[in-house]
């Protein structure tokens, strides 16, 4: 899973972490079109911003070119699976 971290306005002593759960597309597309979150909110909250790319979208293909080739691969395209991805990502970033 690809992800981006923007710490331009982050102040570790008081800042928040804003998490953007990926949509059906490339993580850079959403990052480049989310100025309110990456500038206004981040600056006002002294926040870091984390953007996560949703599995099966953008370049986060769990089985490469075969990701959409059958039920055995598509069974991992679910809300529960992607929420586990986000949980693991947040957990790994907080250590």
N, C-alpha and C. Protein backbone atom coordinates (compact mmCIF):
# COMPACT_ATOMS: atom_id res chain seq x y z
N UNK A 1 0.84 -1.17 0.00
CA UNK A 1 0.00 0.00 0.00
C UNK A 1 0.89 1.24 0.00
N UNK A 2 0.55 2.14 -0.91
CA UNK A 2 1.30 3.40 -0.94
C UNK A 2 0.63 4.39 0.01
N UNK A 3 1.46 5.26 0.56
CA UNK A 3 0.94 6.31 1.42
C UNK A 3 1.87 7.52 1.35
N UNK A 4 1.33 8.68 1.69
CA UNK A 4 2.09 9.92 1.70
C UNK A 4 1.97 10.55 3.08
N UNK A 5 3.03 11.18 3.53
CA UNK A 5 3.00 11.90 4.81
C UNK A 5 3.47 13.33 4.55
N UNK A 6 2.66 14.28 4.92
CA UNK A 6 3.01 15.70 4.78
C UNK A 6 3.15 16.28 6.19
N UNK A 7 4.36 16.66 6.55
CA UNK A 7 4.62 17.22 7.89
C UNK A 7 5.01 18.69 7.83
N UNK A 8 4.67 19.34 6.74
CA UNK A 8 5.06 20.74 6.54
C UNK A 8 4.65 21.64 7.71
N UNK A 9 3.46 21.44 8.26
CA UNK A 9 2.96 22.30 9.33
C UNK A 9 2.93 21.60 10.69
N UNK A 10 3.49 20.41 10.76
CA UNK A 10 3.38 19.61 11.98
C UNK A 10 4.24 20.15 13.11
N UNK A 11 3.62 20.26 14.27
CA UNK A 11 4.31 20.62 15.51
C UNK A 11 4.05 19.48 16.48
N UNK A 12 5.06 18.67 16.71
CA UNK A 12 4.91 17.46 17.52
C UNK A 12 4.39 17.75 18.93
N UNK A 13 4.68 18.91 19.47
CA UNK A 13 4.26 19.22 20.84
C UNK A 13 2.77 19.50 20.97
N UNK A 14 2.12 19.88 19.89
CA UNK A 14 0.69 20.21 20.01
C UNK A 14 -0.14 19.79 18.81
N UNK A 15 0.48 19.28 17.78
CA UNK A 15 -0.22 19.00 16.53
C UNK A 15 -1.00 17.70 16.52
N UNK A 16 -1.95 17.68 15.62
CA UNK A 16 -2.78 16.50 15.38
C UNK A 16 -2.21 15.73 14.19
N UNK A 17 -2.77 14.57 13.95
CA UNK A 17 -2.48 13.83 12.74
C UNK A 17 -3.81 13.64 12.03
N UNK A 18 -3.89 14.13 10.81
CA UNK A 18 -5.08 13.98 9.99
C UNK A 18 -4.87 12.81 9.05
N UNK A 19 -5.85 11.91 8.99
CA UNK A 19 -5.72 10.71 8.16
C UNK A 19 -6.75 10.77 7.04
N UNK A 20 -6.29 10.63 5.82
CA UNK A 20 -7.15 10.63 4.65
C UNK A 20 -7.23 9.20 4.14
N UNK A 21 -8.40 8.59 4.27
CA UNK A 21 -8.61 7.22 3.81
C UNK A 21 -8.79 7.24 2.30
N UNK A 22 -7.99 6.47 1.59
CA UNK A 22 -7.97 6.48 0.14
C UNK A 22 -9.30 6.20 -0.52
N UNK A 23 -9.45 6.76 -1.68
CA UNK A 23 -10.62 6.56 -2.52
C UNK A 23 -10.26 5.64 -3.67
N UNK A 24 -11.12 5.61 -4.65
CA UNK A 24 -10.91 4.74 -5.79
C UNK A 24 -10.02 5.42 -6.82
N UNK A 25 -8.74 5.59 -6.49
CA UNK A 25 -7.81 6.22 -7.40
C UNK A 25 -6.42 6.30 -6.82
N UNK A 26 -5.57 6.98 -7.54
CA UNK A 26 -4.18 7.14 -7.17
C UNK A 26 -4.04 8.10 -5.99
N UNK A 27 -3.19 7.77 -5.04
CA UNK A 27 -3.00 8.57 -3.83
C UNK A 27 -2.54 9.99 -4.16
N UNK A 28 -1.72 10.13 -5.19
CA UNK A 28 -1.23 11.47 -5.56
C UNK A 28 -2.34 12.35 -6.09
N UNK A 29 -3.32 11.78 -6.78
CA UNK A 29 -4.44 12.57 -7.28
C UNK A 29 -5.21 13.19 -6.13
N UNK A 30 -5.46 12.43 -5.10
CA UNK A 30 -6.21 12.95 -3.96
C UNK A 30 -5.38 13.94 -3.16
N UNK A 31 -4.10 13.65 -3.02
CA UNK A 31 -3.23 14.58 -2.30
C UNK A 31 -3.17 15.93 -3.03
N UNK A 32 -2.98 15.89 -4.32
CA UNK A 32 -2.85 17.12 -5.10
C UNK A 32 -4.15 17.92 -5.19
N UNK A 33 -5.28 17.31 -4.84
CA UNK A 33 -6.57 17.99 -4.91
C UNK A 33 -7.21 18.18 -3.55
N UNK A 34 -6.42 18.14 -2.50
CA UNK A 34 -6.95 18.26 -1.14
C UNK A 34 -6.28 19.41 -0.40
N UNK A 35 -6.19 20.54 -1.05
CA UNK A 35 -5.53 21.70 -0.48
C UNK A 35 -6.13 22.17 0.83
N UNK A 36 -7.44 22.05 0.98
CA UNK A 36 -8.06 22.47 2.24
C UNK A 36 -7.49 21.68 3.40
N UNK A 37 -7.31 20.38 3.18
CA UNK A 37 -6.79 19.52 4.25
C UNK A 37 -5.28 19.71 4.44
N UNK A 38 -4.54 19.79 3.34
CA UNK A 38 -3.09 19.83 3.42
C UNK A 38 -2.54 21.21 3.76
N UNK A 39 -3.32 22.24 3.56
CA UNK A 39 -2.83 23.57 3.91
C UNK A 39 -3.67 24.18 5.03
N UNK A 40 -4.92 24.45 4.75
CA UNK A 40 -5.75 25.15 5.74
C UNK A 40 -5.86 24.38 7.05
N UNK A 41 -6.37 23.16 7.01
CA UNK A 41 -6.54 22.39 8.25
C UNK A 41 -5.20 22.06 8.89
N UNK A 42 -4.26 21.59 8.10
CA UNK A 42 -2.96 21.22 8.65
C UNK A 42 -2.29 22.41 9.32
N UNK A 43 -2.35 23.56 8.69
CA UNK A 43 -1.72 24.74 9.28
C UNK A 43 -2.45 25.19 10.54
N UNK A 44 -3.77 25.23 10.51
CA UNK A 44 -4.55 25.66 11.67
C UNK A 44 -4.41 24.72 12.86
N UNK A 45 -4.19 23.44 12.60
CA UNK A 45 -4.09 22.44 13.67
C UNK A 45 -2.65 22.02 13.96
N UNK A 46 -1.70 22.64 13.29
CA UNK A 46 -0.29 22.22 13.40
C UNK A 46 -0.15 20.72 13.15
N UNK A 47 -0.86 20.25 12.15
CA UNK A 47 -1.03 18.81 11.94
C UNK A 47 -0.14 18.24 10.85
N UNK A 48 0.13 16.97 11.02
CA UNK A 48 0.68 16.15 9.95
C UNK A 48 -0.51 15.56 9.20
N UNK A 49 -0.33 15.30 7.92
CA UNK A 49 -1.40 14.70 7.13
C UNK A 49 -0.88 13.41 6.52
N UNK A 50 -1.65 12.33 6.70
CA UNK A 50 -1.29 11.03 6.14
C UNK A 50 -2.37 10.66 5.13
N UNK A 51 -1.96 10.38 3.91
CA UNK A 51 -2.86 9.92 2.85
C UNK A 51 -2.53 8.46 2.56
N UNK A 52 -3.53 7.60 2.59
CA UNK A 52 -3.33 6.19 2.30
C UNK A 52 -4.04 5.83 1.00
N UNK A 53 -3.39 5.01 0.20
CA UNK A 53 -4.00 4.56 -1.05
C UNK A 53 -4.78 3.28 -0.79
N UNK A 54 -6.01 3.26 -1.24
CA UNK A 54 -6.90 2.10 -1.08
C UNK A 54 -6.38 0.93 -1.90
N UNK A 55 -6.36 -0.24 -1.30
CA UNK A 55 -5.93 -1.42 -2.05
C UNK A 55 -6.80 -1.60 -3.29
N UNK A 56 -6.22 -2.08 -4.34
CA UNK A 56 -6.82 -2.30 -5.66
C UNK A 56 -7.00 -1.01 -6.46
N UNK A 57 -6.48 0.10 -5.97
CA UNK A 57 -6.59 1.36 -6.71
C UNK A 57 -5.21 2.00 -6.79
N UNK A 58 -5.05 2.91 -7.74
CA UNK A 58 -3.75 3.52 -7.94
C UNK A 58 -2.75 2.43 -8.28
N UNK A 59 -1.64 2.40 -7.55
CA UNK A 59 -0.62 1.37 -7.77
C UNK A 59 -0.59 0.34 -6.65
N UNK A 60 -1.57 0.38 -5.76
CA UNK A 60 -1.62 -0.57 -4.64
C UNK A 60 -2.41 -1.82 -5.04
N UNK A 61 -1.83 -2.59 -5.92
CA UNK A 61 -2.45 -3.81 -6.44
C UNK A 61 -1.84 -5.00 -5.72
N UNK A 62 -2.61 -5.66 -4.87
CA UNK A 62 -2.04 -6.74 -4.06
C UNK A 62 -1.53 -7.94 -4.86
N UNK A 63 -2.05 -8.14 -6.08
CA UNK A 63 -1.60 -9.25 -6.91
C UNK A 63 -1.07 -8.75 -8.26
N UNK A 64 -0.56 -7.52 -8.27
CA UNK A 64 -0.02 -6.96 -9.51
C UNK A 64 -1.06 -6.94 -10.61
N UNK A 65 -0.65 -7.30 -11.81
CA UNK A 65 -1.56 -7.29 -12.96
C UNK A 65 -2.68 -8.32 -12.84
N UNK A 66 -2.56 -9.24 -11.93
CA UNK A 66 -3.57 -10.29 -11.75
C UNK A 66 -4.62 -9.92 -10.69
N UNK A 67 -4.58 -8.74 -10.15
CA UNK A 67 -5.44 -8.35 -9.03
C UNK A 67 -6.93 -8.49 -9.32
N UNK A 68 -7.34 -8.32 -10.57
CA UNK A 68 -8.76 -8.41 -10.92
C UNK A 68 -9.08 -9.68 -11.71
N UNK A 69 -8.22 -10.68 -11.61
CA UNK A 69 -8.34 -11.85 -12.48
C UNK A 69 -9.25 -12.96 -11.97
N UNK A 70 -9.85 -12.81 -10.82
CA UNK A 70 -10.75 -13.87 -10.38
C UNK A 70 -11.19 -13.68 -8.94
N UNK A 71 -12.17 -14.50 -8.55
CA UNK A 71 -12.73 -14.40 -7.20
C UNK A 71 -11.69 -14.59 -6.11
N UNK A 72 -10.71 -15.46 -6.37
CA UNK A 72 -9.70 -15.72 -5.33
C UNK A 72 -8.91 -14.46 -4.99
N UNK A 73 -8.78 -13.53 -5.93
CA UNK A 73 -8.08 -12.27 -5.66
C UNK A 73 -9.04 -11.18 -5.20
N UNK A 74 -10.22 -11.16 -5.78
CA UNK A 74 -11.18 -10.10 -5.45
C UNK A 74 -11.78 -10.25 -4.05
N UNK A 75 -11.63 -11.40 -3.45
CA UNK A 75 -12.19 -11.58 -2.10
C UNK A 75 -11.50 -10.66 -1.08
N UNK A 76 -10.36 -10.10 -1.45
CA UNK A 76 -9.65 -9.18 -0.57
C UNK A 76 -10.04 -7.72 -0.79
N UNK A 77 -10.99 -7.49 -1.69
CA UNK A 77 -11.48 -6.14 -1.96
C UNK A 77 -12.76 -5.94 -1.15
N UNK A 78 -12.57 -5.58 0.13
CA UNK A 78 -13.72 -5.40 1.02
C UNK A 78 -13.42 -4.28 2.00
N UNK A 79 -14.46 -3.74 2.57
CA UNK A 79 -14.30 -2.68 3.57
C UNK A 79 -13.49 -3.20 4.75
N UNK A 80 -13.78 -4.40 5.19
CA UNK A 80 -13.07 -4.97 6.34
C UNK A 80 -11.57 -5.08 6.07
N UNK A 81 -11.22 -5.53 4.86
CA UNK A 81 -9.81 -5.68 4.51
C UNK A 81 -9.09 -4.33 4.47
N UNK A 82 -9.72 -3.35 3.85
CA UNK A 82 -9.05 -2.05 3.74
C UNK A 82 -8.95 -1.37 5.10
N UNK A 83 -9.93 -1.56 5.96
CA UNK A 83 -9.85 -0.98 7.31
C UNK A 83 -8.69 -1.62 8.09
N UNK A 84 -8.46 -2.90 7.87
CA UNK A 84 -7.30 -3.54 8.50
C UNK A 84 -6.00 -2.97 7.94
N UNK A 85 -5.98 -2.67 6.63
CA UNK A 85 -4.80 -2.02 6.05
C UNK A 85 -4.52 -0.70 6.76
N UNK A 86 -5.56 0.11 6.92
CA UNK A 86 -5.39 1.43 7.54
C UNK A 86 -4.96 1.30 9.00
N UNK A 87 -5.54 0.32 9.69
CA UNK A 87 -5.16 0.10 11.09
C UNK A 87 -3.68 -0.26 11.19
N UNK A 88 -3.21 -1.14 10.32
CA UNK A 88 -1.80 -1.55 10.34
C UNK A 88 -0.89 -0.38 9.97
N UNK A 89 -1.31 0.41 8.98
CA UNK A 89 -0.50 1.56 8.59
C UNK A 89 -0.37 2.56 9.73
N UNK A 90 -1.48 2.91 10.34
CA UNK A 90 -1.45 3.86 11.45
C UNK A 90 -0.62 3.32 12.61
N UNK A 91 -0.79 2.04 12.90
CA UNK A 91 0.01 1.41 13.96
C UNK A 91 1.49 1.44 13.67
N UNK A 92 1.86 1.19 12.43
CA UNK A 92 3.29 1.19 12.09
C UNK A 92 3.88 2.58 12.10
N UNK A 93 3.08 3.59 11.79
CA UNK A 93 3.57 4.96 11.80
C UNK A 93 3.68 5.54 13.19
N UNK A 94 2.93 5.00 14.13
CA UNK A 94 2.92 5.56 15.48
C UNK A 94 4.02 4.99 16.36
N UNK A 95 4.82 4.08 15.85
CA UNK A 95 5.91 3.53 16.66
C UNK A 95 7.21 4.22 16.40
